[in-house]
Amino acid sequence: MPARKSDAAGTPAKKASAARKPAAKKAAGGKSAAKSAAARKPAAKKPVAAPVAARKPVKVKAPRPAPARVPGRKERRGVVVSSAMDKTIVVRIDAVRAHDKYGKVVRRSSKLHAHDESNVAGVGDVVRIVETRPLSATKHWRLLEVLAKAK
């Protein structure tokens, strides 16, 4: 086995690191770098506040009536079965049709989550909803109008 280089005490020799600097050089180098960065940075200006008379008034959207038909979108009528969530209602859509083979009347229903921006629909209301872009994981419908309020 080849012999390792070692000093007189029998421990292996350590290499001097080029990255290590004496503490005095580190401190001096850090200060000068900070000074030069501060010299390059321009002084920050304070924003000037606009006079009260020059500010624009806030525009409030007026509620618009529901369209008679939204082109290219599916539209359903149903009964609200839950309005416990904020800005969301659950609408039950009932489908009554004759069975293909036997002719018996079959009732089917599906529940859809719909977006109700102003929380106007309540449980039992008959509503009109329209298909829209996905608003959440389950909401793909939007409330157009309340057709009949619950008694």
N, C-alpha and C. Protein backbone atom coordinates (compact mmCIF):
# COMPACT_ATOMS: atom_id res chain seq x y z
N MET A 1 0.83 -1.18 0.00
CA MET A 1 0.00 0.00 0.00
C MET A 1 0.87 1.24 0.00
N PRO A 2 0.54 2.25 -0.86
CA PRO A 2 1.40 3.43 -0.88
C PRO A 2 1.20 4.26 0.38
N ALA A 3 2.23 4.90 0.80
CA ALA A 3 2.18 5.72 2.01
C ALA A 3 1.58 7.07 1.71
N ARG A 4 0.77 7.59 2.68
CA ARG A 4 0.15 8.90 2.51
C ARG A 4 1.08 9.98 3.03
N LYS A 5 0.87 11.17 2.44
CA LYS A 5 1.64 12.29 2.93
C LYS A 5 1.07 12.72 4.26
N SER A 6 1.89 12.96 5.22
CA SER A 6 1.40 13.40 6.52
C SER A 6 2.46 14.28 7.16
N ASP A 7 2.00 15.02 8.16
CA ASP A 7 2.95 15.89 8.85
C ASP A 7 3.61 15.09 9.96
N ALA A 8 4.36 15.74 10.77
CA ALA A 8 5.13 15.07 11.80
C ALA A 8 4.26 14.41 12.85
N ALA A 9 3.01 14.91 13.07
CA ALA A 9 2.15 14.37 14.11
C ALA A 9 1.45 13.10 13.66
N GLY A 10 1.50 12.78 12.37
CA GLY A 10 0.89 11.56 11.88
C GLY A 10 -0.51 11.77 11.32
N THR A 11 -0.97 13.00 11.23
CA THR A 11 -2.29 13.28 10.65
C THR A 11 -2.11 13.66 9.20
N PRO A 12 -3.11 13.37 8.35
CA PRO A 12 -2.98 13.74 6.94
C PRO A 12 -2.91 15.25 6.76
N ALA A 13 -2.22 15.68 5.72
CA ALA A 13 -2.04 17.11 5.47
C ALA A 13 -3.33 17.68 4.89
N LYS A 14 -3.70 18.88 5.32
CA LYS A 14 -4.90 19.55 4.84
C LYS A 14 -4.53 20.53 3.75
N LYS A 15 -5.39 20.59 2.71
CA LYS A 15 -5.15 21.54 1.63
C LYS A 15 -5.67 22.91 2.04
N ALA A 16 -4.98 23.92 1.64
CA ALA A 16 -5.44 25.29 1.92
C ALA A 16 -6.51 25.63 0.89
N SER A 17 -7.65 26.05 1.37
CA SER A 17 -8.78 26.35 0.48
C SER A 17 -8.61 27.74 -0.12
N ALA A 18 -8.82 27.83 -1.43
CA ALA A 18 -8.71 29.12 -2.09
C ALA A 18 -9.92 30.00 -1.78
N ALA A 19 -11.05 29.36 -1.42
CA ALA A 19 -12.27 30.11 -1.14
C ALA A 19 -12.25 30.77 0.24
N ARG A 20 -11.40 30.25 1.11
CA ARG A 20 -11.35 30.82 2.47
C ARG A 20 -10.55 32.10 2.46
N LYS A 21 -11.15 33.15 3.07
CA LYS A 21 -10.46 34.43 3.18
C LYS A 21 -10.33 34.78 4.64
N PRO A 22 -9.34 35.53 4.98
CA PRO A 22 -9.25 35.99 6.37
C PRO A 22 -10.45 36.87 6.71
N ALA A 23 -10.81 36.90 7.98
CA ALA A 23 -11.99 37.64 8.44
C ALA A 23 -11.90 39.12 8.10
N ALA A 24 -10.72 39.71 8.14
CA ALA A 24 -10.57 41.13 7.85
C ALA A 24 -10.92 41.43 6.39
N LYS A 25 -10.50 40.54 5.47
CA LYS A 25 -10.80 40.76 4.06
C LYS A 25 -12.29 40.58 3.78
N LYS A 26 -12.92 39.60 4.46
CA LYS A 26 -14.35 39.37 4.27
C LYS A 26 -15.15 40.59 4.68
N ALA A 27 -14.82 41.14 5.86
CA ALA A 27 -15.55 42.30 6.37
C ALA A 27 -15.37 43.50 5.46
N ALA A 28 -14.17 43.72 4.98
CA ALA A 28 -13.90 44.87 4.12
C ALA A 28 -14.61 44.69 2.77
N GLY A 29 -14.59 43.47 2.23
CA GLY A 29 -15.22 43.20 0.94
C GLY A 29 -16.74 43.36 1.03
N GLY A 30 -17.36 42.93 2.12
CA GLY A 30 -18.81 43.04 2.28
C GLY A 30 -19.26 44.49 2.38
N LYS A 31 -18.50 45.31 3.08
CA LYS A 31 -18.90 46.72 3.24
C LYS A 31 -18.80 47.47 1.92
N SER A 32 -17.75 47.24 1.17
CA SER A 32 -17.58 47.97 -0.07
C SER A 32 -18.64 47.55 -1.09
N ALA A 33 -19.02 46.29 -1.07
CA ALA A 33 -20.06 45.83 -1.99
C ALA A 33 -21.39 46.47 -1.64
N ALA A 34 -21.67 46.60 -0.36
CA ALA A 34 -22.93 47.22 0.08
C ALA A 34 -22.95 48.70 -0.29
N LYS A 35 -21.80 49.37 -0.14
CA LYS A 35 -21.74 50.79 -0.48
C LYS A 35 -21.94 51.01 -1.98
N SER A 36 -21.33 50.17 -2.80
CA SER A 36 -21.46 50.35 -4.24
C SER A 36 -22.90 50.06 -4.70
N ALA A 37 -23.56 49.10 -4.06
CA ALA A 37 -24.95 48.79 -4.43
C ALA A 37 -25.85 49.96 -4.06
N ALA A 38 -25.58 50.58 -2.90
CA ALA A 38 -26.39 51.72 -2.48
C ALA A 38 -26.15 52.92 -3.38
N ALA A 39 -24.93 53.07 -3.89
CA ALA A 39 -24.61 54.20 -4.76
C ALA A 39 -25.31 54.05 -6.11
N ARG A 40 -25.48 52.81 -6.59
CA ARG A 40 -26.12 52.59 -7.88
C ARG A 40 -27.64 52.77 -7.83
N LYS A 41 -28.26 52.51 -6.68
CA LYS A 41 -29.70 52.55 -6.55
C LYS A 41 -30.19 54.00 -6.42
N PRO A 42 -31.14 54.43 -7.28
CA PRO A 42 -31.64 55.81 -7.16
C PRO A 42 -32.56 55.93 -5.94
N ALA A 43 -32.70 57.14 -5.46
CA ALA A 43 -33.53 57.39 -4.28
C ALA A 43 -34.99 57.16 -4.64
N ALA A 44 -35.75 56.51 -3.74
CA ALA A 44 -37.17 56.21 -3.98
C ALA A 44 -38.00 57.48 -3.84
N LYS A 45 -38.93 57.68 -4.80
CA LYS A 45 -39.79 58.86 -4.75
C LYS A 45 -41.12 58.49 -4.13
N LYS A 46 -41.67 59.39 -3.34
CA LYS A 46 -42.97 59.14 -2.72
C LYS A 46 -44.07 59.43 -3.74
N PRO A 47 -45.10 58.55 -3.80
CA PRO A 47 -46.20 58.82 -4.73
C PRO A 47 -47.02 60.02 -4.26
N VAL A 48 -47.44 60.81 -5.23
CA VAL A 48 -48.22 62.00 -4.92
C VAL A 48 -49.69 61.62 -4.94
N ALA A 49 -50.41 61.92 -3.87
CA ALA A 49 -51.84 61.59 -3.78
C ALA A 49 -52.64 62.54 -4.66
N ALA A 50 -53.62 61.98 -5.38
CA ALA A 50 -54.46 62.80 -6.25
C ALA A 50 -55.44 63.60 -5.40
N PRO A 51 -55.79 64.80 -5.84
CA PRO A 51 -56.77 65.58 -5.08
C PRO A 51 -58.11 64.86 -5.05
N VAL A 52 -58.90 65.14 -4.03
CA VAL A 52 -60.18 64.46 -3.84
C VAL A 52 -61.11 64.72 -5.02
N ALA A 53 -61.12 65.89 -5.58
CA ALA A 53 -62.02 66.24 -6.68
C ALA A 53 -61.64 65.51 -7.97
N ALA A 54 -60.37 65.13 -8.13
CA ALA A 54 -59.92 64.52 -9.38
C ALA A 54 -60.16 63.02 -9.43
N ARG A 55 -60.54 62.39 -8.31
CA ARG A 55 -60.75 60.94 -8.30
C ARG A 55 -62.00 60.58 -9.08
N LYS A 56 -61.94 59.43 -9.76
CA LYS A 56 -63.07 58.98 -10.56
C LYS A 56 -64.09 58.29 -9.66
N PRO A 57 -65.38 58.47 -9.94
CA PRO A 57 -66.40 57.78 -9.13
C PRO A 57 -66.41 56.29 -9.44
N VAL A 58 -66.76 55.49 -8.45
CA VAL A 58 -66.81 54.04 -8.61
C VAL A 58 -68.07 53.67 -9.38
N LYS A 59 -67.91 52.87 -10.44
CA LYS A 59 -69.05 52.46 -11.24
C LYS A 59 -69.68 51.22 -10.62
N VAL A 60 -71.00 51.24 -10.48
CA VAL A 60 -71.73 50.11 -9.95
C VAL A 60 -72.54 49.51 -11.09
N LYS A 61 -72.40 48.17 -11.27
CA LYS A 61 -73.12 47.52 -12.36
C LYS A 61 -74.60 47.43 -12.03
N ALA A 62 -75.42 47.85 -12.97
CA ALA A 62 -76.87 47.76 -12.80
C ALA A 62 -77.30 46.33 -13.11
N PRO A 63 -78.24 45.78 -12.35
CA PRO A 63 -78.70 44.43 -12.66
C PRO A 63 -79.41 44.40 -14.00
N ARG A 64 -79.03 43.46 -14.84
CA ARG A 64 -79.66 43.39 -16.15
C ARG A 64 -80.65 42.23 -16.17
N PRO A 65 -81.71 42.34 -16.96
CA PRO A 65 -82.71 41.29 -16.99
C PRO A 65 -82.15 40.02 -17.65
N ALA A 66 -82.73 38.88 -17.28
CA ALA A 66 -82.29 37.61 -17.84
C ALA A 66 -82.67 37.53 -19.31
N PRO A 67 -81.77 37.07 -20.16
CA PRO A 67 -82.11 36.97 -21.58
C PRO A 67 -83.15 35.87 -21.82
N ALA A 68 -83.90 36.01 -22.92
CA ALA A 68 -84.91 35.01 -23.24
C ALA A 68 -84.26 33.69 -23.59
N ARG A 69 -83.15 33.73 -24.29
CA ARG A 69 -82.43 32.51 -24.68
C ARG A 69 -80.96 32.85 -24.81
N VAL A 70 -80.11 32.00 -24.25
CA VAL A 70 -78.66 32.20 -24.38
C VAL A 70 -78.19 31.26 -25.48
N PRO A 71 -77.72 31.78 -26.61
CA PRO A 71 -77.35 30.91 -27.72
C PRO A 71 -76.13 30.04 -27.40
N GLY A 72 -76.21 28.77 -27.80
CA GLY A 72 -75.08 27.86 -27.63
C GLY A 72 -74.92 27.30 -26.24
N ARG A 73 -75.85 27.56 -25.33
CA ARG A 73 -75.75 27.07 -23.95
C ARG A 73 -76.99 26.26 -23.61
N LYS A 74 -76.79 25.19 -22.85
CA LYS A 74 -77.91 24.40 -22.38
C LYS A 74 -78.65 25.18 -21.31
N GLU A 75 -79.94 24.99 -21.26
CA GLU A 75 -80.76 25.70 -20.29
C GLU A 75 -81.70 24.71 -19.63
N ARG A 76 -81.87 24.80 -18.31
CA ARG A 76 -82.73 23.87 -17.57
C ARG A 76 -83.62 24.64 -16.61
N ARG A 77 -84.76 24.03 -16.30
CA ARG A 77 -85.65 24.54 -15.25
C ARG A 77 -85.72 23.49 -14.17
N GLY A 78 -85.70 23.92 -12.93
CA GLY A 78 -85.74 22.96 -11.84
C GLY A 78 -86.15 23.62 -10.54
N VAL A 79 -86.17 22.80 -9.49
CA VAL A 79 -86.57 23.25 -8.16
C VAL A 79 -85.34 23.27 -7.26
N VAL A 80 -85.20 24.35 -6.50
CA VAL A 80 -84.06 24.48 -5.58
C VAL A 80 -84.29 23.56 -4.39
N VAL A 81 -83.34 22.66 -4.12
CA VAL A 81 -83.46 21.76 -2.99
C VAL A 81 -82.54 22.15 -1.84
N SER A 82 -81.54 23.02 -2.11
CA SER A 82 -80.65 23.50 -1.05
C SER A 82 -80.09 24.86 -1.43
N SER A 83 -80.08 25.74 -0.44
CA SER A 83 -79.44 27.05 -0.64
C SER A 83 -78.59 27.40 0.57
N ALA A 84 -78.05 26.38 1.24
CA ALA A 84 -77.29 26.57 2.47
C ALA A 84 -75.90 27.16 2.20
N MET A 85 -75.36 26.92 1.01
CA MET A 85 -74.02 27.41 0.69
C MET A 85 -74.08 28.87 0.25
N ASP A 86 -72.97 29.57 0.40
CA ASP A 86 -72.90 30.97 -0.01
C ASP A 86 -72.71 31.05 -1.51
N LYS A 87 -73.62 31.75 -2.19
CA LYS A 87 -73.59 31.97 -3.64
C LYS A 87 -73.71 30.68 -4.45
N THR A 88 -74.24 29.63 -3.85
CA THR A 88 -74.44 28.36 -4.55
C THR A 88 -75.79 27.78 -4.18
N ILE A 89 -76.50 27.26 -5.17
CA ILE A 89 -77.75 26.56 -4.92
C ILE A 89 -77.66 25.18 -5.58
N VAL A 90 -78.43 24.23 -5.04
CA VAL A 90 -78.52 22.90 -5.63
C VAL A 90 -79.91 22.80 -6.25
N VAL A 91 -79.96 22.50 -7.54
CA VAL A 91 -81.22 22.48 -8.28
C VAL A 91 -81.50 21.05 -8.73
N ARG A 92 -82.73 20.57 -8.45
CA ARG A 92 -83.13 19.24 -8.90
C ARG A 92 -83.86 19.38 -10.23
N ILE A 93 -83.38 18.67 -11.23
CA ILE A 93 -83.99 18.67 -12.55
C ILE A 93 -84.75 17.36 -12.71
N ASP A 94 -86.08 17.41 -12.89
CA ASP A 94 -86.90 16.22 -13.06
C ASP A 94 -87.14 15.95 -14.53
N ALA A 95 -86.97 14.70 -14.93
CA ALA A 95 -87.22 14.28 -16.31
C ALA A 95 -88.26 13.17 -16.29
N VAL A 96 -89.38 13.39 -16.97
CA VAL A 96 -90.44 12.39 -17.05
C VAL A 96 -90.57 11.98 -18.51
N ARG A 97 -90.37 10.68 -18.76
CA ARG A 97 -90.48 10.19 -20.14
C ARG A 97 -90.90 8.73 -20.14
N ALA A 98 -91.38 8.28 -21.27
CA ALA A 98 -91.80 6.89 -21.41
C ALA A 98 -90.60 6.00 -21.65
N HIS A 99 -90.64 4.79 -21.07
CA HIS A 99 -89.57 3.82 -21.27
C HIS A 99 -89.57 3.39 -22.74
N ASP A 100 -88.37 3.21 -23.30
CA ASP A 100 -88.24 2.89 -24.73
C ASP A 100 -88.95 1.58 -25.10
N LYS A 101 -88.75 0.53 -24.31
CA LYS A 101 -89.27 -0.79 -24.66
C LYS A 101 -90.68 -1.03 -24.12
N TYR A 102 -90.91 -0.66 -22.87
CA TYR A 102 -92.16 -1.04 -22.23
C TYR A 102 -93.22 0.06 -22.22
N GLY A 103 -92.81 1.30 -22.47
CA GLY A 103 -93.78 2.38 -22.53
C GLY A 103 -94.21 2.93 -21.18
N LYS A 104 -93.72 2.36 -20.08
CA LYS A 104 -94.08 2.85 -18.75
C LYS A 104 -93.44 4.22 -18.53
N VAL A 105 -94.15 5.13 -17.83
CA VAL A 105 -93.63 6.46 -17.53
C VAL A 105 -92.57 6.33 -16.43
N VAL A 106 -91.37 6.80 -16.73
CA VAL A 106 -90.25 6.71 -15.80
C VAL A 106 -89.85 8.12 -15.40
N ARG A 107 -89.73 8.33 -14.10
CA ARG A 107 -89.30 9.63 -13.58
C ARG A 107 -87.85 9.54 -13.15
N ARG A 108 -87.03 10.41 -13.68
CA ARG A 108 -85.61 10.48 -13.32
C ARG A 108 -85.32 11.91 -12.88
N SER A 109 -84.34 12.06 -12.00
CA SER A 109 -83.95 13.41 -11.59
C SER A 109 -82.43 13.47 -11.43
N SER A 110 -81.90 14.67 -11.60
CA SER A 110 -80.48 14.90 -11.39
C SER A 110 -80.33 16.21 -10.63
N LYS A 111 -79.27 16.29 -9.85
CA LYS A 111 -79.02 17.51 -9.07
C LYS A 111 -77.83 18.24 -9.67
N LEU A 112 -77.96 19.55 -9.83
CA LEU A 112 -76.91 20.39 -10.38
C LEU A 112 -76.59 21.52 -9.41
N HIS A 113 -75.32 21.86 -9.28
CA HIS A 113 -74.92 23.03 -8.49
C HIS A 113 -74.90 24.23 -9.41
N ALA A 114 -75.50 25.32 -8.98
CA ALA A 114 -75.56 26.53 -9.80
C ALA A 114 -75.09 27.73 -8.99
N HIS A 115 -74.50 28.68 -9.67
CA HIS A 115 -73.98 29.90 -9.04
C HIS A 115 -75.10 30.92 -8.91
N ASP A 116 -75.33 31.38 -7.68
CA ASP A 116 -76.36 32.39 -7.38
C ASP A 116 -75.64 33.58 -6.76
N GLU A 117 -75.26 34.55 -7.58
CA GLU A 117 -74.40 35.66 -7.16
C GLU A 117 -74.97 36.44 -5.99
N SER A 118 -76.27 36.73 -6.02
CA SER A 118 -76.84 37.59 -4.97
C SER A 118 -77.68 36.82 -3.95
N ASN A 119 -77.59 35.51 -3.92
CA ASN A 119 -78.30 34.67 -2.95
C ASN A 119 -79.80 34.97 -2.91
N VAL A 120 -80.45 35.05 -4.07
CA VAL A 120 -81.88 35.37 -4.12
C VAL A 120 -82.76 34.13 -4.08
N ALA A 121 -82.27 32.99 -4.54
CA ALA A 121 -83.09 31.78 -4.60
C ALA A 121 -83.13 31.09 -3.25
N GLY A 122 -84.32 30.57 -2.91
CA GLY A 122 -84.50 29.83 -1.67
C GLY A 122 -85.00 28.43 -1.97
N VAL A 123 -85.07 27.60 -0.93
CA VAL A 123 -85.52 26.23 -1.10
C VAL A 123 -86.98 26.22 -1.56
N GLY A 124 -87.25 25.42 -2.59
CA GLY A 124 -88.61 25.31 -3.12
C GLY A 124 -88.89 26.22 -4.30
N ASP A 125 -88.01 27.16 -4.61
CA ASP A 125 -88.22 28.07 -5.74
C ASP A 125 -88.02 27.33 -7.06
N VAL A 126 -88.81 27.69 -8.06
CA VAL A 126 -88.60 27.18 -9.41
C VAL A 126 -87.70 28.18 -10.12
N VAL A 127 -86.57 27.68 -10.66
CA VAL A 127 -85.56 28.57 -11.23
C VAL A 127 -85.19 28.12 -12.64
N ARG A 128 -84.58 29.04 -13.35
CA ARG A 128 -84.04 28.77 -14.68
C ARG A 128 -82.54 28.93 -14.59
N ILE A 129 -81.80 27.90 -15.00
CA ILE A 129 -80.34 27.95 -14.93
C ILE A 129 -79.78 27.71 -16.33
N VAL A 130 -78.56 28.19 -16.55
CA VAL A 130 -77.91 28.07 -17.85
C VAL A 130 -76.49 27.56 -17.65
N GLU A 131 -76.02 26.79 -18.61
CA GLU A 131 -74.68 26.23 -18.57
C GLU A 131 -73.65 27.35 -18.69
N THR A 132 -72.52 27.21 -17.99
CA THR A 132 -71.47 28.22 -18.03
C THR A 132 -70.11 27.55 -17.88
N ARG A 133 -69.07 28.34 -17.87
CA ARG A 133 -67.72 27.79 -17.68
C ARG A 133 -67.60 27.21 -16.27
N PRO A 134 -66.67 26.30 -16.03
CA PRO A 134 -66.52 25.75 -14.68
C PRO A 134 -66.16 26.84 -13.67
N LEU A 135 -66.98 26.96 -12.64
CA LEU A 135 -66.73 27.95 -11.58
C LEU A 135 -66.05 27.31 -10.38
N SER A 136 -66.23 26.00 -10.21
CA SER A 136 -65.56 25.25 -9.15
C SER A 136 -65.54 23.79 -9.59
N ALA A 137 -65.22 22.89 -8.68
CA ALA A 137 -65.15 21.48 -9.03
C ALA A 137 -66.52 20.93 -9.41
N THR A 138 -67.59 21.45 -8.83
CA THR A 138 -68.93 20.93 -9.10
C THR A 138 -69.86 21.94 -9.77
N LYS A 139 -69.51 23.21 -9.78
CA LYS A 139 -70.41 24.24 -10.33
C LYS A 139 -70.09 24.53 -11.79
N HIS A 140 -71.04 24.18 -12.68
CA HIS A 140 -70.91 24.49 -14.10
C HIS A 140 -72.18 25.15 -14.63
N TRP A 141 -73.02 25.64 -13.72
CA TRP A 141 -74.28 26.26 -14.09
C TRP A 141 -74.41 27.59 -13.38
N ARG A 142 -75.24 28.50 -13.94
CA ARG A 142 -75.44 29.83 -13.37
C ARG A 142 -76.94 30.11 -13.33
N LEU A 143 -77.39 30.74 -12.27
CA LEU A 143 -78.81 31.10 -12.12
C LEU A 143 -79.13 32.26 -13.05
N LEU A 144 -80.19 32.09 -13.88
CA LEU A 144 -80.64 33.18 -14.74
C LEU A 144 -81.75 33.96 -14.07
N GLU A 145 -82.78 33.26 -13.60
CA GLU A 145 -83.87 33.96 -12.95
C GLU A 145 -84.67 33.00 -12.08
N VAL A 146 -85.40 33.58 -11.13
CA VAL A 146 -86.32 32.82 -10.30
C VAL A 146 -87.69 32.94 -10.96
N LEU A 147 -88.25 31.80 -11.39
CA LEU A 147 -89.54 31.82 -12.07
C LEU A 147 -90.71 31.89 -11.10
N ALA A 148 -90.63 31.16 -10.00
CA ALA A 148 -91.70 31.17 -9.00
C ALA A 148 -91.10 30.98 -7.62
N LYS A 149 -91.50 31.83 -6.67
CA LYS A 149 -91.02 31.73 -5.30
C LYS A 149 -91.81 30.66 -4.57
N ALA A 150 -91.19 30.00 -3.58
CA ALA A 150 -91.85 28.96 -2.79
C ALA A 150 -92.90 29.61 -1.89
N LYS A 151 -93.95 28.87 -1.61
CA LYS A 151 -95.03 29.40 -0.73
C LYS A 151 -94.68 29.23 0.72
